[in-house]
Amino acid sequence: SVFTCRKLAGCTLFITGASRGIGKAIALKAAKDGANIVIAAKTAEPHPKLPGTIYTAAEEIEAAGGKALPCIVNVREEQQIISAVEKAVKTFGGIDILVNNASAISLTGTLETATKKVNLMMDVNVRGTYLTSKACLPYLRKSKNPHILNLSPPMNLNPMWFKNHCAYTISKYGMSMCVLGMAEEFRGEVAVNALWPKTAIHTAAMDMLGGAGIEKQCRKTDILADAAYCILTKPKTFTGNFIIDEVLLREEGVKDFDVYAIAPG
C-alpha cells in the first residue's frame, strides 16, 4: 500500500494552521513516518470555541512518532512567518515541505460580508500563502524532494462558484493562482500543487459555519491527510496539479470511501 514505508522520515514539514482540523491531520499522518513538523499557527492560548493549541498539537505529533516545533504564526504578520522559518531551519536543518493550510472563511454575499472579514480572507488566504511560500522557497530549493501544497480548489470560472460568496472564492482562487504561477516559476526545482476535497470535511470551522447536524454530509479529515501524503511522497516532477482527494485516492487503488464518512453512505 502507499501508506506503509516511512517515506517522510526525517523530512521537515512547515504547516500553517496545524493546531487543528486539516492541517493537524496532515501533520499527524507525516508524524507517523517520523517527520519533523513545524506547527505554524496562531492559537497559543486555548480558544473559547475551538479545540487545540499549537502546544496540544505538538504533544499529539510527538506521541504519533514525529518531532514538533510549535511556532506562534499569524500568517497576516510577515515577521512572524520569517521568524518561524528561521527557527525551523535552525532546529531541523532545512525545510522540505510547505503546506499552506491556514485559511479564513465566510460564505457570505457581497453586501453581508463585513470589510474586516474581506480583509481577513484576502490577508490569510492570498497574501499569507504567498508570503509563506516566499519565505520557505530559498530553503525548499535546497531540499532533495521539495513540495509546496496549497489547500485550494481547481479554478473554475463558472459564476455559480462566485455568486454566493464572491470574496471567499476570490481569496481561495488567489491561493490556486499561487500554484499556477509558482509551479511554472520553480519547475524542476520545487513541486507546487493544490489539494481540495470532493465533499465537505468535518472540522471545528465547519461546525461553526454549519451548525448542528452538518457533519452527516461531511467526511473525516483523514481523507485529505491520505491524499496529501500521496502527493508529498511523489517526485518533484509531479507539479502544477489541482487534485481532488477522492480522484487521486481512487487512482492509488483506494476502493472503500465509507471509512472516511462521518455517516457511512
Protein backbone atom coordinates (compact mmCIF):
# COMPACT_ATOMS: atom_id res chain seq x y z
CA SER A 1 0.00 0.00 0.00
CA VAL A 2 1.08 3.61 -0.48
CA PHE A 3 0.91 4.14 3.27
CA THR A 4 3.44 1.63 4.63
CA CYS A 5 7.10 2.56 4.29
CA ARG A 6 8.35 5.61 6.17
CA LYS A 7 8.73 7.86 3.15
CA LEU A 8 8.71 11.13 5.11
CA ALA A 9 11.11 10.02 7.87
CA GLY A 10 13.47 12.89 8.66
CA CYS A 11 11.64 15.33 6.37
CA THR A 12 10.73 18.74 7.75
CA LEU A 13 7.20 19.98 7.07
CA PHE A 14 6.16 23.59 7.69
CA ILE A 15 2.36 23.52 8.08
CA THR A 16 0.28 26.65 8.59
CA GLY A 17 -2.88 26.34 10.64
CA ALA A 18 -1.71 22.98 12.02
CA SER A 19 -3.18 23.37 15.51
CA ARG A 20 -6.44 21.72 14.43
CA GLY A 21 -8.51 20.40 11.54
CA ILE A 22 -6.99 19.50 8.19
CA GLY A 23 -3.55 20.95 8.97
CA LYS A 24 -3.22 18.84 12.09
CA ALA A 25 -4.46 15.71 10.29
CA ILE A 26 -1.76 16.14 7.61
CA ALA A 27 0.82 16.72 10.38
CA LEU A 28 -0.16 13.54 12.24
CA LYS A 29 -0.01 11.45 9.06
CA ALA A 30 3.57 12.64 8.41
CA ALA A 31 4.48 12.26 12.10
CA LYS A 32 3.77 8.52 11.87
CA ASP A 33 6.70 8.31 9.43
CA GLY A 34 8.95 10.13 11.89
CA ALA A 35 8.82 13.54 10.18
CA ASN A 36 9.65 16.88 11.78
CA ILE A 37 6.64 19.19 11.91
CA VAL A 38 6.71 22.96 12.30
CA ILE A 39 3.28 23.89 13.66
CA ALA A 40 2.90 27.43 12.35
CA ALA A 41 -0.43 28.54 13.78
CA LYS A 42 -1.82 31.36 15.81
CA THR A 43 -3.57 29.60 18.69
CA ALA A 44 -1.20 29.63 21.68
CA GLU A 45 -3.92 30.18 24.31
CA PRO A 46 -6.99 27.90 24.27
CA HIS A 47 -9.77 29.41 22.13
CA PRO A 48 -13.24 29.62 23.72
CA LYS A 49 -14.98 27.92 20.76
CA LEU A 50 -12.26 25.92 19.00
CA PRO A 51 -10.29 22.95 20.34
CA GLY A 52 -6.50 22.74 20.34
CA THR A 53 -3.44 24.97 20.57
CA ILE A 54 -0.01 24.71 18.92
CA TYR A 55 1.18 23.03 22.15
CA THR A 56 -1.54 20.36 22.33
CA ALA A 57 -0.95 19.67 18.62
CA ALA A 58 2.79 19.34 19.35
CA GLU A 59 2.07 16.72 22.06
CA GLU A 60 -0.09 14.71 19.63
CA ILE A 61 2.58 14.89 16.92
CA GLU A 62 5.31 13.70 19.29
CA ALA A 63 3.00 10.89 20.52
CA ALA A 64 2.46 9.81 16.88
CA GLY A 65 6.23 9.48 16.35
CA GLY A 66 7.24 12.84 14.94
CA LYS A 67 9.24 15.79 16.21
CA ALA A 68 7.29 19.01 16.73
CA LEU A 69 8.26 22.67 16.77
CA PRO A 70 5.30 24.83 17.81
CA CYS A 71 5.61 28.41 16.49
CA ILE A 72 3.16 31.24 17.03
CA VAL A 73 2.42 32.37 13.48
CA ASN A 74 -0.39 34.57 12.30
CA VAL A 75 0.22 34.49 8.53
CA ARG A 76 -1.00 38.10 8.32
CA GLU A 77 2.26 39.10 10.05
CA GLU A 78 5.23 38.64 7.73
CA GLN A 79 7.77 38.89 10.56
CA GLN A 80 6.12 36.00 12.41
CA ILE A 81 6.39 33.86 9.25
CA ILE A 82 10.07 34.75 8.74
CA SER A 83 10.94 34.10 12.40
CA ALA A 84 9.26 30.68 12.33
CA VAL A 85 11.05 29.75 9.10
CA GLU A 86 14.41 30.74 10.62
CA LYS A 87 13.63 28.79 13.79
CA ALA A 88 12.63 25.75 11.71
CA VAL A 89 15.89 25.83 9.75
CA LYS A 90 17.92 26.28 12.93
CA THR A 91 16.11 23.40 14.66
CA PHE A 92 15.80 20.86 11.84
CA GLY A 93 18.43 22.00 9.32
CA GLY A 94 16.10 22.90 6.48
CA ILE A 95 12.55 22.76 5.10
CA ASP A 96 11.39 20.06 2.68
CA ILE A 97 7.66 20.62 2.51
CA LEU A 98 5.35 23.61 2.95
CA VAL A 99 1.62 23.06 3.44
CA ASN A 100 -0.40 26.28 3.08
CA ASN A 101 -3.45 25.24 5.05
CA ALA A 102 -4.26 28.30 7.18
CA SER A 103 -7.45 29.80 5.87
CA ALA A 104 -10.27 32.17 6.74
CA ILE A 105 -13.78 31.54 5.52
CA SER A 106 -17.02 33.50 5.29
CA LEU A 107 -19.61 32.05 2.93
CA THR A 108 -21.49 35.33 2.66
CA GLY A 109 -22.83 37.52 -0.12
CA THR A 110 -21.21 40.77 -1.10
CA LEU A 111 -23.47 43.02 0.98
CA GLU A 112 -23.33 40.70 4.01
CA THR A 113 -19.53 40.40 4.15
CA ALA A 114 -18.06 42.85 6.66
CA THR A 115 -14.95 44.67 5.43
CA LYS A 116 -12.88 43.18 8.24
CA LYS A 117 -13.89 39.71 7.01
CA VAL A 118 -12.90 40.62 3.44
CA ASN A 119 -9.53 41.85 4.75
CA LEU A 120 -9.08 38.68 6.82
CA MET A 121 -9.77 36.35 3.87
CA MET A 122 -7.52 38.27 1.48
CA ASP A 123 -4.75 38.60 4.11
CA VAL A 124 -4.76 35.00 5.31
CA ASN A 125 -5.65 33.12 2.16
CA VAL A 126 -3.92 35.02 -0.65
CA ARG A 127 -1.25 37.16 0.98
CA GLY A 128 -0.45 34.68 3.76
CA THR A 129 0.01 31.82 1.30
CA TYR A 130 2.14 33.99 -0.98
CA LEU A 131 4.41 35.31 1.79
CA THR A 132 4.82 31.92 3.50
CA SER A 133 5.78 30.38 0.14
CA LYS A 134 8.23 33.23 -0.48
CA ALA A 135 9.86 32.76 2.95
CA CYS A 136 10.20 28.98 2.55
CA LEU A 137 11.30 28.83 -1.10
CA PRO A 138 15.02 29.58 -0.59
CA TYR A 139 15.18 26.57 1.77
CA LEU A 140 12.87 24.36 -0.29
CA ARG A 141 15.20 24.81 -3.27
CA LYS A 142 17.98 23.13 -1.26
CA SER A 143 15.86 20.07 -0.43
CA LYS A 144 16.10 16.78 -2.33
CA ASN A 145 12.36 16.45 -2.95
CA PRO A 146 10.68 19.76 -2.10
CA HIS A 147 6.94 20.32 -2.24
CA ILE A 148 4.51 23.17 -1.67
CA LEU A 149 0.91 22.07 -1.20
CA ASN A 150 -1.90 24.64 -1.05
CA LEU A 151 -5.30 23.64 0.27
CA SER A 152 -7.22 25.35 -2.51
CA PRO A 153 -9.64 24.48 -5.32
CA PRO A 154 -9.25 23.92 -9.05
CA MET A 155 -10.03 27.22 -10.74
CA ASN A 156 -13.44 27.00 -12.34
CA LEU A 157 -14.68 30.31 -13.65
CA ASN A 158 -18.34 29.27 -13.74
CA PRO A 159 -20.22 32.12 -11.97
CA MET A 160 -22.02 29.64 -9.71
CA TRP A 161 -18.82 29.31 -7.64
CA PHE A 162 -18.74 33.09 -7.11
CA LYS A 163 -22.32 34.24 -6.78
CA ASN A 164 -22.98 33.18 -3.16
CA HIS A 165 -19.59 34.04 -1.63
CA CYS A 166 -17.61 36.18 -4.02
CA ALA A 167 -14.91 37.35 -1.57
CA TYR A 168 -14.18 33.83 -0.28
CA THR A 169 -13.92 32.37 -3.79
CA ILE A 170 -11.59 35.18 -4.92
CA SER A 171 -9.36 34.53 -1.90
CA LYS A 172 -9.21 30.75 -2.44
CA TYR A 173 -8.58 31.16 -6.17
CA GLY A 174 -5.75 33.51 -5.18
CA MET A 175 -4.14 30.51 -3.46
CA SER A 176 -4.74 28.42 -6.59
CA MET A 177 -3.12 31.13 -8.73
CA CYS A 178 -0.05 30.86 -6.49
CA VAL A 179 0.08 27.18 -7.53
CA LEU A 180 -0.32 28.08 -11.20
CA GLY A 181 2.45 30.67 -11.13
CA MET A 182 4.95 29.09 -8.75
CA ALA A 183 4.72 25.60 -10.27
CA GLU A 184 5.89 27.11 -13.55
CA GLU A 185 8.39 29.51 -12.00
CA PHE A 186 10.11 26.76 -9.98
CA ARG A 187 9.58 23.85 -12.38
CA GLY A 188 12.37 21.29 -11.97
CA GLU A 189 13.25 22.74 -8.56
CA VAL A 190 10.15 22.66 -6.34
CA ALA A 191 6.85 20.85 -6.85
CA VAL A 192 3.80 23.08 -6.28
CA ASN A 193 0.31 21.55 -6.18
CA ALA A 194 -3.20 22.19 -4.87
CA LEU A 195 -5.44 19.78 -2.98
CA TRP A 196 -9.19 20.16 -2.46
CA PRO A 197 -11.83 17.85 -1.02
CA LYS A 198 -14.66 16.37 -3.07
CA THR A 199 -17.07 16.71 -0.12
CA ALA A 200 -17.22 18.99 2.89
CA ILE A 201 -14.75 17.96 5.62
CA HIS A 202 -15.77 17.85 9.24
CA THR A 203 -13.67 20.31 11.30
CA ALA A 204 -14.33 22.80 14.09
CA ALA A 205 -14.55 25.53 11.43
CA MET A 206 -17.27 23.53 9.69
CA ASP A 207 -19.24 23.21 12.94
CA MET A 208 -19.14 26.99 13.38
CA LEU A 209 -20.32 27.54 9.79
CA GLY A 210 -22.91 24.82 9.52
CA GLY A 211 -24.39 24.39 12.97
CA ALA A 212 -25.56 21.09 14.39
CA GLY A 213 -26.18 18.17 12.07
CA ILE A 214 -23.89 19.39 9.29
CA GLU A 215 -21.36 16.61 9.95
CA LYS A 216 -23.58 13.90 8.47
CA GLN A 217 -22.81 15.29 4.99
CA CYS A 218 -19.09 15.53 5.76
CA ARG A 219 -16.04 13.31 5.57
CA LYS A 220 -13.28 12.98 8.16
CA THR A 221 -10.03 14.90 7.82
CA ASP A 222 -8.23 11.56 7.19
CA ILE A 223 -9.15 11.60 3.51
CA LEU A 224 -7.23 14.83 2.95
CA ALA A 225 -4.33 13.61 5.10
CA ASP A 226 -4.08 10.43 2.99
CA ALA A 227 -4.30 12.38 -0.27
CA ALA A 228 -1.72 14.95 0.92
CA TYR A 229 0.65 12.13 1.91
CA CYS A 230 0.30 10.67 -1.58
CA ILE A 231 1.20 13.99 -3.21
CA LEU A 232 4.07 14.85 -0.87
CA THR A 233 5.77 11.49 -1.41
CA LYS A 234 5.72 11.85 -5.20
CA PRO A 235 8.83 13.15 -7.03
CA LYS A 236 9.15 16.91 -7.57
CA THR A 237 8.34 16.38 -11.27
CA PHE A 238 4.71 15.97 -10.10
CA THR A 239 3.83 19.66 -10.19
CA GLY A 240 1.18 22.19 -11.22
CA ASN A 241 -1.68 19.80 -10.43
CA PHE A 242 -5.09 20.65 -8.97
CA ILE A 243 -6.03 17.49 -7.15
CA ILE A 244 -9.38 16.35 -5.77
CA ASP A 245 -8.81 13.98 -2.82
CA GLU A 246 -11.15 11.19 -3.94
CA VAL A 247 -9.97 11.22 -7.57
CA LEU A 248 -6.32 10.80 -6.51
CA LEU A 249 -7.06 8.07 -3.95
CA ARG A 250 -9.11 6.10 -6.49
CA GLU A 251 -6.11 6.27 -8.85
CA GLU A 252 -3.93 5.00 -5.99
CA GLY A 253 -6.23 1.98 -5.58
CA VAL A 254 -8.45 3.02 -2.66
CA LYS A 255 -11.91 1.49 -3.14
CA ASP A 256 -13.70 1.91 0.18
CA PHE A 257 -14.58 5.54 0.85
CA ASP A 258 -17.02 4.70 3.66
CA VAL A 259 -14.04 4.60 6.03
CA TYR A 260 -13.81 8.37 5.56
CA ALA A 261 -17.51 9.05 6.08
CA ILE A 262 -18.90 10.52 9.30
CA ALA A 263 -22.24 8.87 8.42
CA PRO A 264 -21.49 5.97 6.03
CA GLY A 265 -23.40 6.06 2.74
